[in-house]
PDB file of N, CA and C in Angstrom:
ATOM      1  N   MET A   1      75.198 117.803 100.205  1.00  0.00           N
ATOM      2  CA  MET A   1      75.873 117.938  98.936  1.00  0.00           C
ATOM      3  C   MET A   1      74.853 117.815  97.806  1.00  0.00           C
ATOM      4  N   LYS A   2      73.959 118.758  97.830  1.00  0.00           N
ATOM      5  CA  LYS A   2      72.879 118.785  96.860  1.00  0.00           C
ATOM      6  C   LYS A   2      73.417 119.039  95.454  1.00  0.00           C
ATOM      7  N   GLY A   3      72.898 118.288  94.501  1.00  0.00           N
ATOM      8  CA  GLY A   3      73.297 118.470  93.117  1.00  0.00           C
ATOM      9  C   GLY A   3      74.513 117.676  92.700  1.00  0.00           C
ATOM     10  N   PHE A   4      75.144 116.970  93.619  1.00  0.00           N
ATOM     11  CA  PHE A   4      76.321 116.187  93.278  1.00  0.00           C
ATOM     12  C   PHE A   4      75.892 114.930  92.524  1.00  0.00           C
ATOM     13  N   LYS A   5      76.700 114.519  91.548  1.00  0.00           N
ATOM     14  CA  LYS A   5      76.399 113.368  90.699  1.00  0.00           C
ATOM     15  C   LYS A   5      77.541 112.361  90.761  1.00  0.00           C
ATOM     16  N   THR A   6      77.202 111.099  90.513  1.00  0.00           N
ATOM     17  CA  THR A   6      78.200 110.032  90.507  1.00  0.00           C
ATOM     18  C   THR A   6      79.035 110.114  89.238  1.00  0.00           C
ATOM     19  N   ILE A   7      80.354 110.077  89.421  1.00  0.00           N
ATOM     20  CA  ILE A   7      81.259 110.095  88.275  1.00  0.00           C
ATOM     21  C   ILE A   7      82.018 108.773  88.146  1.00  0.00           C
ATOM     22  N   ALA A   8      82.175 108.044  89.259  1.00  0.00           N
ATOM     23  CA  ALA A   8      82.873 106.760  89.211  1.00  0.00           C
ATOM     24  C   ALA A   8      82.395 105.874  90.360  1.00  0.00           C
ATOM     25  N   VAL A   9      82.522 104.558  90.159  1.00  0.00           N
ATOM     26  CA  VAL A   9      82.128 103.591  91.177  1.00  0.00           C
ATOM     27  C   VAL A   9      83.291 102.638  91.415  1.00  0.00           C
ATOM     28  N   PHE A  10      83.575 102.387  92.685  1.00  0.00           N
ATOM     29  CA  PHE A  10      84.666 101.508  93.084  1.00  0.00           C
ATOM     30  C   PHE A  10      84.113 100.373  93.938  1.00  0.00           C
ATOM     31  N   THR A  11      84.789  99.242  93.911  1.00  0.00           N
ATOM     32  CA  THR A  11      84.310  98.070  94.642  1.00  0.00           C
ATOM     33  C   THR A  11      84.826  98.023  96.069  1.00  0.00           C
ATOM     34  N   TYR A  12      86.099  98.358  96.269  1.00  0.00           N
ATOM     35  CA  TYR A  12      86.724  98.201  97.579  1.00  0.00           C
ATOM     36  C   TYR A  12      87.329  99.518  98.074  1.00  0.00           C
ATOM     37  N   PRO A  13      87.369  99.708  99.389  1.00  0.00           N
ATOM     38  CA  PRO A  13      87.902 100.953  99.963  1.00  0.00           C
ATOM     39  C   PRO A  13      89.351 101.260  99.576  1.00  0.00           C
ATOM     40  N   TYR A  14      90.174 100.248  99.397  1.00  0.00           N
ATOM     41  CA  TYR A  14      91.576 100.508  99.071  1.00  0.00           C
ATOM     42  C   TYR A  14      91.736 101.151  97.695  1.00  0.00           C
ATOM     43  N   GLU A  15      90.732 101.048  96.834  1.00  0.00           N
ATOM     44  CA  GLU A  15      90.816 101.611  95.495  1.00  0.00           C
ATOM     45  C   GLU A  15      90.703 103.137  95.481  1.00  0.00           C
ATOM     46  N   ILE A  16      90.220 103.721  96.571  1.00  0.00           N
ATOM     47  CA  ILE A  16      89.983 105.173  96.574  1.00  0.00           C
ATOM     48  C   ILE A  16      91.011 105.969  97.364  1.00  0.00           C
ATOM     49  N   VAL A  17      91.953 105.312  97.987  1.00  0.00           N
ATOM     50  CA  VAL A  17      92.894 105.993  98.887  1.00  0.00           C
ATOM     51  C   VAL A  17      93.678 107.095  98.169  1.00  0.00           C
ATOM     52  N   VAL A  18      94.301 106.777  97.064  1.00  0.00           N
ATOM     53  CA  VAL A  18      95.120 107.768  96.341  1.00  0.00           C
ATOM     54  C   VAL A  18      94.233 108.846  95.735  1.00  0.00           C
ATOM     55  N   LEU A  19      93.119 108.427  95.146  1.00  0.00           N
ATOM     56  CA  LEU A  19      92.193 109.390  94.541  1.00  0.00           C
ATOM     57  C   LEU A  19      91.668 110.376  95.571  1.00  0.00           C
ATOM     58  N   LYS A  20      91.330 109.885  96.736  1.00  0.00           N
ATOM     59  CA  LYS A  20      90.834 110.752  97.814  1.00  0.00           C
ATOM     60  C   LYS A  20      91.880 111.812  98.172  1.00  0.00           C
ATOM     61  N   HIS A  21      93.117 111.404  98.262  1.00  0.00           N
ATOM     62  CA  HIS A  21      94.211 112.326  98.581  1.00  0.00           C
ATOM     63  C   HIS A  21      94.356 113.391  97.482  1.00  0.00           C
ATOM     64  N   ILE A  22      94.303 112.974  96.221  1.00  0.00           N
ATOM     65  CA  ILE A  22      94.442 113.916  95.110  1.00  0.00           C
ATOM     66  C   ILE A  22      93.303 114.934  95.120  1.00  0.00           C
ATOM     67  N   LEU A  23      92.072 114.463  95.316  1.00  0.00           N
ATOM     68  CA  LEU A  23      90.925 115.375  95.325  1.00  0.00           C
ATOM     69  C   LEU A  23      91.015 116.371  96.482  1.00  0.00           C
ATOM     70  N   GLU A  24      91.507 115.920  97.623  1.00  0.00           N
ATOM     71  CA  GLU A  24      91.684 116.825  98.764  1.00  0.00           C
ATOM     72  C   GLU A  24      92.785 117.844  98.486  1.00  0.00           C
ATOM     73  N   GLN A  25      93.880 117.414  97.857  1.00  0.00           N
ATOM     74  CA  GLN A  25      94.970 118.326  97.513  1.00  0.00           C
ATOM     75  C   GLN A  25      94.514 119.385  96.503  1.00  0.00           C
ATOM     76  N   GLU A  26      93.666 118.990  95.572  1.00  0.00           N
ATOM     77  CA  GLU A  26      93.143 119.919  94.561  1.00  0.00           C
ATOM     78  C   GLU A  26      91.976 120.745  95.083  1.00  0.00           C
ATOM     79  N   GLU A  27      91.536 120.458  96.318  1.00  0.00           N
ATOM     80  CA  GLU A  27      90.418 121.145  96.970  1.00  0.00           C
ATOM     81  C   GLU A  27      89.130 121.067  96.138  1.00  0.00           C
ATOM     82  N   ILE A  28      88.884 119.889  95.582  1.00  0.00           N
ATOM     83  CA  ILE A  28      87.661 119.640  94.819  1.00  0.00           C
ATOM     84  C   ILE A  28      86.626 119.059  95.773  1.00  0.00           C
ATOM     85  N   PRO A  29      85.484 119.715  95.916  1.00  0.00           N
ATOM     86  CA  PRO A  29      84.440 119.185  96.790  1.00  0.00           C
ATOM     87  C   PRO A  29      83.956 117.822  96.266  1.00  0.00           C
ATOM     88  N   HIS A  30      83.925 116.845  97.145  1.00  0.00           N
ATOM     89  CA  HIS A  30      83.546 115.486  96.759  1.00  0.00           C
ATOM     90  C   HIS A  30      83.100 114.705  97.983  1.00  0.00           C
ATOM     91  N   PHE A  31      82.480 113.574  97.751  1.00  0.00           N
ATOM     92  CA  PHE A  31      82.275 112.604  98.815  1.00  0.00           C
ATOM     93  C   PHE A  31      82.109 111.225  98.203  1.00  0.00           C
ATOM     94  N   PHE A  32      82.434 110.217  99.006  1.00  0.00           N
ATOM     95  CA  PHE A  32      82.344 108.837  98.585  1.00  0.00           C
ATOM     96  C   PHE A  32      81.154 108.194  99.290  1.00  0.00           C
ATOM     97  N   GLU A  33      80.073 108.024  98.546  1.00  0.00           N
ATOM     98  CA  GLU A  33      78.870 107.414  99.110  1.00  0.00           C
ATOM     99  C   GLU A  33      79.119 105.927  99.348  1.00  0.00           C
ATOM    100  N   ASN A  34      78.687 105.424 100.476  1.00  0.00           N
ATOM    101  CA  ASN A  34      78.806 104.024 100.902  1.00  0.00           C
ATOM    102  C   ASN A  34      80.216 103.650 101.371  1.00  0.00           C
ATOM    103  N   GLU A  35      81.112 104.602 101.474  1.00  0.00           N
ATOM    104  CA  GLU A  35      82.490 104.300 101.871  1.00  0.00           C
ATOM    105  C   GLU A  35      82.546 103.621 103.233  1.00  0.00           C
ATOM    106  N   GLN A  36      81.848 104.163 104.212  1.00  0.00           N
ATOM    107  CA  GLN A  36      81.925 103.623 105.569  1.00  0.00           C
ATOM    108  C   GLN A  36      81.291 102.239 105.683  1.00  0.00           C
ATOM    109  N   ILE A  37      80.120 102.057 105.097  1.00  0.00           N
ATOM    110  CA  ILE A  37      79.434 100.780 105.213  1.00  0.00           C
ATOM    111  C   ILE A  37      80.211  99.669 104.506  1.00  0.00           C
ATOM    112  N   ILE A  38      80.825  99.985 103.378  1.00  0.00           N
ATOM    113  CA  ILE A  38      81.607  98.978 102.654  1.00  0.00           C
ATOM    114  C   ILE A  38      82.933  98.719 103.360  1.00  0.00           C
ATOM    115  N   SER A  39      83.456  99.705 104.081  1.00  0.00           N
ATOM    116  CA  SER A  39      84.662  99.479 104.887  1.00  0.00           C
ATOM    117  C   SER A  39      84.378  98.466 105.989  1.00  0.00           C
ATOM    118  N   ILE A  40      83.167  98.497 106.498  1.00  0.00           N
ATOM    119  CA  ILE A  40      82.764  97.569 107.560  1.00  0.00           C
ATOM    120  C   ILE A  40      82.438  96.195 106.989  1.00  0.00           C
ATOM    121  N   ASP A  41      81.785  96.155 105.831  1.00  0.00           N
ATOM    122  CA  ASP A  41      81.316  94.897 105.242  1.00  0.00           C
ATOM    123  C   ASP A  41      81.649  94.856 103.748  1.00  0.00           C
ATOM    124  N   PRO A  42      82.925  94.660 103.385  1.00  0.00           N
ATOM    125  CA  PRO A  42      83.333  94.735 101.981  1.00  0.00           C
ATOM    126  C   PRO A  42      82.721  93.656 101.083  1.00  0.00           C
ATOM    127  N   LEU A  43      82.292  92.552 101.643  1.00  0.00           N
ATOM    128  CA  LEU A  43      81.723  91.490 100.820  1.00  0.00           C
ATOM    129  C   LEU A  43      80.351  91.850 100.264  1.00  0.00           C
ATOM    130  N   ARG A  44      79.747  92.888 100.775  1.00  0.00           N
ATOM    131  CA  ARG A  44      78.437  93.314 100.275  1.00  0.00           C
ATOM    132  C   ARG A  44      78.531  94.570  99.411  1.00  0.00           C
ATOM    133  N   SER A  45      79.698  94.828  98.882  1.00  0.00           N
ATOM    134  CA  SER A  45      79.909  96.015  98.061  1.00  0.00           C
ATOM    135  C   SER A  45      78.928  96.075  96.890  1.00  0.00           C
ATOM    136  N   PHE A  46      78.737  94.961  96.208  1.00  0.00           N
ATOM    137  CA  PHE A  46      77.830  94.951  95.062  1.00  0.00           C
ATOM    138  C   PHE A  46      76.391  95.192  95.488  1.00  0.00           C
ATOM    139  N   ALA A  47      76.023  94.689  96.647  1.00  0.00           N
ATOM    140  CA  ALA A  47      74.656  94.891  97.147  1.00  0.00           C
ATOM    141  C   ALA A  47      74.375  96.363  97.425  1.00  0.00           C
ATOM    142  N   TYR A  48      75.394  97.090  97.856  1.00  0.00           N
ATOM    143  CA  TYR A  48      75.222  98.518  98.162  1.00  0.00           C
ATOM    144  C   TYR A  48      75.454  99.405  96.941  1.00  0.00           C
ATOM    145  N   GLY A  49      75.861  98.817  95.842  1.00  0.00           N
ATOM    146  CA  GLY A  49      76.117  99.614  94.632  1.00  0.00           C
ATOM    147  C   GLY A  49      77.522 100.157  94.565  1.00  0.00           C
ATOM    148  N   GLY A  50      78.433  99.625  95.375  1.00  0.00           N
ATOM    149  CA  GLY A  50      79.823 100.066  95.375  1.00  0.00           C
ATOM    150  C   GLY A  50      80.013 101.406  96.061  1.00  0.00           C
ATOM    151  N   ILE A  51      81.247 101.855  96.055  1.00  0.00           N
ATOM    152  CA  ILE A  51      81.593 103.159  96.614  1.00  0.00           C
ATOM    153  C   ILE A  51      81.497 104.162  95.468  1.00  0.00           C
ATOM    154  N   GLN A  52      80.575 105.075  95.576  1.00  0.00           N
ATOM    155  CA  GLN A  52      80.303 106.018  94.487  1.00  0.00           C
ATOM    156  C   GLN A  52      80.962 107.364  94.759  1.00  0.00           C
ATOM    157  N   LEU A  53      81.808 107.773  93.835  1.00  0.00           N
ATOM    158  CA  LEU A  53      82.430 109.090  93.923  1.00  0.00           C
ATOM    159  C   LEU A  53      81.436 110.114  93.405  1.00  0.00           C
ATOM    160  N   LYS A  54      81.047 111.048  94.260  1.00  0.00           N
ATOM    161  CA  LYS A  54      80.086 112.093  93.901  1.00  0.00           C
ATOM    162  C   LYS A  54      80.823 113.433  93.859  1.00  0.00           C
ATOM    163  N   VAL A  55      80.622 114.158  92.765  1.00  0.00           N
ATOM    164  CA  VAL A  55      81.202 115.496  92.622  1.00  0.00           C
ATOM    165  C   VAL A  55      80.162 116.423  92.005  1.00  0.00           C
ATOM    166  N   HIS A  56      80.384 117.704  92.145  1.00  0.00           N
ATOM    167  CA  HIS A  56      79.487 118.700  91.549  1.00  0.00           C
ATOM    168  C   HIS A  56      79.694 118.682  90.039  1.00  0.00           C
ATOM    169  N   PRO A  57      78.619 118.840  89.262  1.00  0.00           N
ATOM    170  CA  PRO A  57      78.743 118.839  87.797  1.00  0.00           C
ATOM    171  C   PRO A  57      79.762 119.846  87.250  1.00  0.00           C
ATOM    172  N   ASN A  58      79.989 120.947  87.944  1.00  0.00           N
ATOM    173  CA  ASN A  58      80.991 121.929  87.493  1.00  0.00           C
ATOM    174  C   ASN A  58      82.411 121.376  87.553  1.00  0.00           C
ATOM    175  N   ASP A  59      82.631 120.345  88.368  1.00  0.00           N
ATOM    176  CA  ASP A  59      83.961 119.766  88.532  1.00  0.00           C
ATOM    177  C   ASP A  59      84.154 118.474  87.745  1.00  0.00           C
ATOM    178  N   PHE A  60      83.144 118.045  86.974  1.00  0.00           N
ATOM    179  CA  PHE A  60      83.215 116.772  86.255  1.00  0.00           C
ATOM    180  C   PHE A  60      84.442 116.686  85.355  1.00  0.00           C
ATOM    181  N   GLU A  61      84.696 117.715  84.568  1.00  0.00           N
ATOM    182  CA  GLU A  61      85.799 117.675  83.606  1.00  0.00           C
ATOM    183  C   GLU A  61      87.147 117.523  84.309  1.00  0.00           C
ATOM    184  N   GLN A  62      87.363 118.280  85.364  1.00  0.00           N
ATOM    185  CA  GLN A  62      88.617 118.217  86.107  1.00  0.00           C
ATOM    186  C   GLN A  62      88.793 116.852  86.770  1.00  0.00           C
ATOM    187  N   VAL A  63      87.730 116.328  87.367  1.00  0.00           N
ATOM    188  CA  VAL A  63      87.800 115.022  88.030  1.00  0.00           C
ATOM    189  C   VAL A  63      87.986 113.913  86.994  1.00  0.00           C
ATOM    190  N   GLN A  64      87.336 114.024  85.852  1.00  0.00           N
ATOM    191  CA  GLN A  64      87.496 113.025  84.798  1.00  0.00           C
ATOM    192  C   GLN A  64      88.943 112.975  84.329  1.00  0.00           C
ATOM    193  N   GLU A  65      89.579 114.121  84.218  1.00  0.00           N
ATOM    194  CA  GLU A  65      90.986 114.170  83.818  1.00  0.00           C
ATOM    195  C   GLU A  65      91.864 113.482  84.869  1.00  0.00           C
ATOM    196  N   ILE A  66      91.583 113.726  86.138  1.00  0.00           N
ATOM    197  CA  ILE A  66      92.334 113.082  87.224  1.00  0.00           C
ATOM    198  C   ILE A  66      92.149 111.567  87.145  1.00  0.00           C
ATOM    199  N   LEU A  67      90.912 111.117  86.954  1.00  0.00           N
ATOM    200  CA  LEU A  67      90.636 109.683  86.851  1.00  0.00           C
ATOM    201  C   LEU A  67      91.355 109.061  85.657  1.00  0.00           C
ATOM    202  N   ASP A  68      91.332 109.739  84.534  1.00  0.00           N
ATOM    203  CA  ASP A  68      91.996 109.227  83.330  1.00  0.00           C
ATOM    204  C   ASP A  68      93.501 109.094  83.538  1.00  0.00           C
ATOM    205  N   ASN A  69      94.104 110.056  84.223  1.00  0.00           N
ATOM    206  CA  ASN A  69      95.544 110.017  84.474  1.00  0.00           C
ATOM    207  C   ASN A  69      95.915 108.999  85.542  1.00  0.00           C
ATOM    208  N   LEU A  70      94.992 108.731  86.454  1.00  0.00           N
ATOM    209  CA  LEU A  70      95.265 107.813  87.552  1.00  0.00           C
ATOM    210  C   LEU A  70      95.288 106.369  87.084  1.00  0.00           C
ATOM    211  N   ASN A  71      94.251 105.967  86.334  1.00  0.00           N
ATOM    212  CA  ASN A  71      94.170 104.593  85.874  1.00  0.00           C
ATOM    213  C   ASN A  71      93.127 104.507  84.766  1.00  0.00           C
ATOM    214  N   PRO A  72      93.540 104.295  83.540  1.00  0.00           N
ATOM    215  CA  PRO A  72      92.589 104.251  82.420  1.00  0.00           C
ATOM    216  C   PRO A  72      91.626 103.066  82.466  1.00  0.00           C
ATOM    217  N   LYS A  73      91.851 102.100  83.354  1.00  0.00           N
ATOM    218  CA  LYS A  73      91.005 100.914  83.404  1.00  0.00           C
ATOM    219  C   LYS A  73      89.923 101.000  84.491  1.00  0.00           C
ATOM    220  N   LEU A  74      89.751 102.162  85.105  1.00  0.00           N
ATOM    221  CA  LEU A  74      88.725 102.306  86.130  1.00  0.00           C
ATOM    222  C   LEU A  74      87.334 102.221  85.514  1.00  0.00           C
ATOM    223  N   SER A  75      86.380 101.741  86.289  1.00  0.00           N
ATOM    224  CA  SER A  75      84.989 101.656  85.826  1.00  0.00           C
ATOM    225  C   SER A  75      84.328 103.010  86.030  1.00  0.00           C
ATOM    226  N   ILE A  76      84.233 103.778  84.964  1.00  0.00           N
ATOM    227  CA  ILE A  76      83.674 105.130  85.038  1.00  0.00           C
ATOM    228  C   ILE A  76      82.196 105.084  84.657  1.00  0.00           C
ATOM    229  N   VAL A  77      81.411 105.804  85.413  1.00  0.00           N
ATOM    230  CA  VAL A  77      79.963 105.840  85.149  1.00  0.00           C
ATOM    231  C   VAL A  77      79.683 106.835  84.063  1.00  0.00           C
TER     232      VAL A  77
END
């Protein structure tokens, strides 16, 4: 996924469940960096830099709108 950039960071795996479903339904190419390792060891989330949502820069605006509608209190990068 060359060229993909971080748009949001999450601390725990449960925070991305709904967002992951929405992105898949909208067919937006994405991936969650560190998702698997933090699922195994959630207490080290901060050490790994959290779960980072990576998307292509062409999709930033659409994903930002989804994030804004989902929860305005999310920690957006």
